[in-house]
């Protein structure tokens, strides 16, 4: 039987069908899971802890998707108005929903694959820090916000030897797309950076050696492999490895 993958959606104040609160998931995430052999199911618009716990209990894995920025006061006590003005915030319900989802997923040791916003939010959930705006806080020689080229590999990342990502990428370097202006600053306790761009920005994280022994399968990436998987096999392998881990998880 195909493993069931719970997918976190974006939340909009008004949907396409009616001007009511609505959820959406880009088809590329779902295609990545389907082609890897899983069945994707979207989490509903919910923040009740019991409902989220029940959803995770019935899932074989959790995929955290990309989207708009995270509320900056969740990870920084003071934020200037100038810095806050650079943020494009998602619906406030999404932060609460996904933080609860992350904690429940890790509590149950369910495999998790986190992409872009998801990569950043996992770091926040575990006590790490973020750059709120790379151009103003950490300017470098890599252009990280290339939305017009989101289906292309626009810069390389250097991968740590011995990491899961090195195995999946098939080497120490991987070309990635880049559509973000926020990023992980300091990885949270229990996480280690396993890929960085040439300017030092964290592009992927895994459990460190101590945390790995006590937790389920986990990989987070700053880039969007769902957009590159149809043309670049290394990115498709990220989905395959995730779905394989979901299939193999003890129930």
Protein backbone atom coordinates (compact mmCIF):
# COMPACT_ATOMS: atom_id res chain seq x y z
CA UNK A 1 0.00 0.00 0.00
CA UNK A 2 1.26 3.49 -0.83
CA UNK A 3 2.26 5.58 2.20
CA UNK A 4 -0.02 8.48 3.10
CA UNK A 5 1.79 11.83 3.17
CA UNK A 6 0.25 14.76 5.04
CA UNK A 7 0.99 18.03 3.22
CA UNK A 8 0.85 21.47 4.85
CA UNK A 9 -1.12 23.98 2.73
CA UNK A 10 -0.93 27.71 2.22
CA UNK A 11 -3.81 29.69 3.67
CA UNK A 12 -5.52 32.54 1.83
CA UNK A 13 -8.02 35.04 3.19
CA UNK A 14 -10.18 34.44 0.11
CA UNK A 15 -10.35 31.47 -2.23
CA UNK A 16 -10.96 31.19 -5.97
CA UNK A 17 -14.45 29.74 -5.67
CA UNK A 18 -15.77 32.06 -2.96
CA UNK A 19 -14.32 34.97 -0.90
CA UNK A 20 -13.90 32.71 2.14
CA UNK A 21 -10.73 31.53 3.92
CA UNK A 22 -9.19 28.88 1.71
CA UNK A 23 -6.23 26.50 1.46
CA UNK A 24 -4.05 25.70 -1.55
CA UNK A 25 -1.14 23.41 -2.38
CA UNK A 26 0.96 23.80 -5.52
CA UNK A 27 0.56 20.77 -7.76
CA UNK A 28 4.32 20.22 -8.03
CA UNK A 29 4.53 19.10 -4.37
CA UNK A 30 1.76 16.58 -4.93
CA UNK A 31 3.30 15.36 -8.19
CA UNK A 32 6.65 14.85 -6.45
CA UNK A 33 5.03 12.62 -3.86
CA UNK A 34 2.86 10.74 -6.36
CA UNK A 35 5.76 10.01 -8.70
CA UNK A 36 7.81 8.75 -5.74
CA UNK A 37 5.05 6.31 -4.83
CA UNK A 38 3.15 8.13 -2.09
CA UNK A 39 -0.38 9.47 -1.70
CA UNK A 40 -0.51 13.18 -0.73
CA UNK A 41 -3.34 14.49 1.45
CA UNK A 42 -3.63 18.15 2.45
CA UNK A 43 -3.98 19.13 6.09
CA UNK A 44 -7.22 21.09 6.56
CA UNK A 45 -7.33 24.62 7.91
CA UNK A 46 -7.06 23.73 11.59
CA UNK A 47 -5.15 24.74 14.73
CA UNK A 48 -6.81 22.43 17.27
CA UNK A 49 -4.04 20.29 18.74
CA UNK A 50 -6.22 17.19 18.97
CA UNK A 51 -7.15 17.35 15.29
CA UNK A 52 -3.53 17.86 14.25
CA UNK A 53 -2.42 14.95 16.46
CA UNK A 54 -5.07 12.70 14.92
CA UNK A 55 -3.99 13.70 11.41
CA UNK A 56 -0.33 12.95 12.11
CA UNK A 57 -1.23 9.66 13.79
CA UNK A 58 -2.87 8.48 10.57
CA UNK A 59 -0.06 9.66 8.29
CA UNK A 60 3.13 7.89 7.27
CA UNK A 61 4.99 11.15 6.64
CA UNK A 62 4.68 14.94 6.65
CA UNK A 63 5.72 17.38 3.94
CA UNK A 64 6.12 21.04 4.91
CA UNK A 65 5.72 23.29 1.90
CA UNK A 66 6.98 26.75 0.95
CA UNK A 67 5.05 30.00 1.04
CA UNK A 68 5.23 33.50 2.44
CA UNK A 69 7.34 34.68 5.37
CA UNK A 70 7.12 33.65 9.01
CA UNK A 71 5.96 36.11 11.68
CA UNK A 72 9.33 37.60 12.77
CA UNK A 73 8.43 37.95 16.46
CA UNK A 74 8.26 34.15 16.66
CA UNK A 75 12.05 34.04 16.47
CA UNK A 76 13.25 37.56 17.36
CA UNK A 77 12.23 39.68 20.34
CA UNK A 78 12.74 43.05 18.64
CA UNK A 79 12.12 43.80 14.96
CA UNK A 80 12.47 47.26 13.50
CA UNK A 81 9.71 48.65 11.30
CA UNK A 82 12.14 48.86 8.40
CA UNK A 83 12.99 45.18 8.71
CA UNK A 84 9.37 44.16 9.25
CA UNK A 85 8.40 46.04 6.08
CA UNK A 86 10.47 43.57 4.05
CA UNK A 87 8.24 40.67 5.17
CA UNK A 88 5.39 39.22 3.14
CA UNK A 89 3.52 37.47 5.91
CA UNK A 90 1.34 34.43 5.41
CA UNK A 91 -2.05 34.07 7.10
CA UNK A 92 -1.35 34.18 10.88
CA UNK A 93 -3.18 30.88 11.34
CA UNK A 94 -0.56 29.11 9.24
CA UNK A 95 2.33 29.70 11.65
CA UNK A 96 0.33 28.29 14.56
CA UNK A 97 -0.93 25.33 12.53
CA UNK A 98 2.49 24.34 11.22
CA UNK A 99 4.31 24.83 14.52
CA UNK A 100 1.86 22.40 16.11
CA UNK A 101 2.28 20.06 13.15
CA UNK A 102 6.08 20.10 13.47
CA UNK A 103 6.02 19.33 17.18
CA UNK A 104 3.55 16.48 16.80
CA UNK A 105 5.44 15.00 13.86
CA UNK A 106 8.70 14.96 15.78
CA UNK A 107 7.01 13.67 18.93
CA UNK A 108 5.74 10.67 16.99
CA UNK A 109 9.02 10.25 15.06
CA UNK A 110 7.16 10.48 11.74
CA UNK A 111 9.40 11.20 8.71
CA UNK A 112 9.42 14.84 7.67
CA UNK A 113 10.61 16.60 4.52
CA UNK A 114 10.60 20.42 4.85
CA UNK A 115 10.93 22.79 1.90
CA UNK A 116 11.79 26.53 1.85
CA UNK A 117 9.43 28.15 4.40
CA UNK A 118 9.16 24.72 6.03
CA UNK A 119 12.96 24.53 6.34
CA UNK A 120 12.96 27.89 8.11
CA UNK A 121 9.98 27.13 10.36
CA UNK A 122 11.47 23.86 11.63
CA UNK A 123 14.50 25.86 12.69
CA UNK A 124 12.27 28.34 14.53
CA UNK A 125 10.26 25.56 16.17
CA UNK A 126 13.42 24.00 17.60
CA UNK A 127 14.92 27.26 18.83
CA UNK A 128 17.11 28.39 15.93
CA UNK A 129 17.31 31.84 14.36
CA UNK A 130 16.58 33.33 10.93
CA UNK A 131 17.75 36.18 8.79
CA UNK A 132 14.61 38.26 8.25
CA UNK A 133 15.95 39.85 5.07
CA UNK A 134 19.16 38.66 3.41
CA UNK A 135 19.85 41.79 1.31
CA UNK A 136 19.90 44.02 4.39
CA UNK A 137 21.18 41.60 7.07
CA UNK A 138 23.58 39.31 5.22
CA UNK A 139 24.42 40.69 1.77
CA UNK A 140 26.58 38.33 -0.24
CA UNK A 141 27.64 37.30 -3.72
CA UNK A 142 24.70 34.94 -4.37
CA UNK A 143 21.36 36.12 -5.71
CA UNK A 144 18.85 34.16 -3.64
CA UNK A 145 15.59 35.63 -4.91
CA UNK A 146 15.32 34.54 -8.55
CA UNK A 147 11.59 33.88 -8.89
CA UNK A 148 11.61 34.28 -12.68
CA UNK A 149 14.06 31.34 -12.90
CA UNK A 150 12.33 29.13 -10.33
CA UNK A 151 12.37 26.10 -12.66
CA UNK A 152 16.14 26.34 -13.19
CA UNK A 153 19.20 25.49 -11.13
CA UNK A 154 20.67 28.97 -10.66
CA UNK A 155 23.50 28.41 -8.17
CA UNK A 156 25.39 25.51 -6.58
CA UNK A 157 25.36 24.39 -2.97
CA UNK A 158 28.28 22.62 -1.27
CA UNK A 159 27.25 19.46 0.58
CA UNK A 160 28.80 18.06 3.76
CA UNK A 161 30.59 14.71 3.38
CA UNK A 162 28.79 11.76 4.94
CA UNK A 163 25.37 13.45 4.98
CA UNK A 164 22.13 11.96 3.71
CA UNK A 165 21.96 14.78 1.17
CA UNK A 166 25.39 13.87 -0.23
CA UNK A 167 24.16 10.31 -0.83
CA UNK A 168 20.96 11.50 -2.53
CA UNK A 169 22.67 14.18 -4.62
CA UNK A 170 25.35 11.74 -5.71
CA UNK A 171 28.22 14.06 -4.82
CA UNK A 172 29.44 17.11 -2.95
CA UNK A 173 27.64 19.71 -5.06
CA UNK A 174 24.08 20.26 -6.21
CA UNK A 175 22.60 22.93 -8.47
CA UNK A 176 19.48 24.49 -6.94
CA UNK A 177 16.80 27.07 -7.67
CA UNK A 178 16.39 30.03 -5.33
CA UNK A 179 13.26 32.05 -4.51
CA UNK A 180 13.73 33.41 -0.98
CA UNK A 181 14.88 36.52 0.88
CA UNK A 182 14.85 34.96 4.37
CA UNK A 183 17.10 32.11 5.53
CA UNK A 184 18.36 30.08 8.48
CA UNK A 185 20.97 31.96 10.49
CA UNK A 186 21.96 29.66 13.38
CA UNK A 187 20.70 26.06 13.14
CA UNK A 188 18.66 24.97 16.15
CA UNK A 189 20.05 22.54 18.73
CA UNK A 190 19.86 19.04 17.28
CA UNK A 191 20.17 20.22 13.67
CA UNK A 192 23.26 20.53 11.52
CA UNK A 193 23.75 22.41 8.29
CA UNK A 194 24.62 19.92 5.55
CA UNK A 195 24.65 22.27 2.56
CA UNK A 196 25.58 25.90 2.07
CA UNK A 197 25.63 28.35 -0.81
CA UNK A 198 28.91 30.03 -1.73
CA UNK A 199 28.02 32.98 0.53
CA UNK A 200 27.57 30.67 3.53
CA UNK A 201 23.75 30.63 3.64
CA UNK A 202 22.37 27.34 5.00
CA UNK A 203 20.66 25.45 2.16
CA UNK A 204 19.86 22.14 3.88
CA UNK A 205 19.70 20.64 7.37
CA UNK A 206 19.54 17.18 8.92
CA UNK A 207 19.58 15.85 12.49
CA UNK A 208 23.00 15.93 14.09
CA UNK A 209 24.52 12.63 15.22
CA UNK A 210 22.99 12.79 18.70
CA UNK A 211 19.48 13.81 17.65
CA UNK A 212 19.37 11.35 14.75
CA UNK A 213 19.38 8.40 17.13
CA UNK A 214 16.21 9.61 18.86
CA UNK A 215 14.21 10.94 15.92
CA UNK A 216 12.66 9.83 12.65
CA UNK A 217 13.84 10.57 9.10
CA UNK A 218 14.29 14.30 8.49
CA UNK A 219 15.61 16.53 5.75
CA UNK A 220 14.99 20.24 5.18
CA UNK A 221 16.03 22.29 2.15
CA UNK A 222 15.90 25.99 1.35
CA UNK A 223 15.40 25.38 -2.37
CA UNK A 224 12.40 23.91 -4.22
CA UNK A 225 13.16 20.35 -5.44
CA UNK A 226 9.52 19.84 -6.49
CA UNK A 227 10.07 22.30 -9.35
CA UNK A 228 13.32 20.67 -10.48
CA UNK A 229 12.41 16.99 -9.97
CA UNK A 230 10.83 16.56 -13.44
CA UNK A 231 14.13 17.46 -15.17
CA UNK A 232 16.91 16.84 -12.62
CA UNK A 233 17.10 13.28 -11.19
CA UNK A 234 18.97 14.33 -8.04
CA UNK A 235 16.00 16.42 -6.95
CA UNK A 236 13.56 13.62 -7.71
CA UNK A 237 15.65 11.36 -5.45
CA UNK A 238 14.88 13.62 -2.48
CA UNK A 239 11.20 12.78 -2.86
CA UNK A 240 11.92 9.10 -3.46
CA UNK A 241 14.04 8.84 -0.31
CA UNK A 242 11.37 10.60 1.74
CA UNK A 243 8.56 8.36 0.48
CA UNK A 244 10.73 5.26 1.00
CA UNK A 245 11.32 6.32 4.61
CA UNK A 246 7.57 6.83 5.06
CA UNK A 247 6.88 3.35 3.64
CA UNK A 248 9.45 1.76 5.94
CA UNK A 249 8.38 3.53 9.13
CA UNK A 250 7.29 1.13 11.90
CA UNK A 251 3.59 1.50 12.68
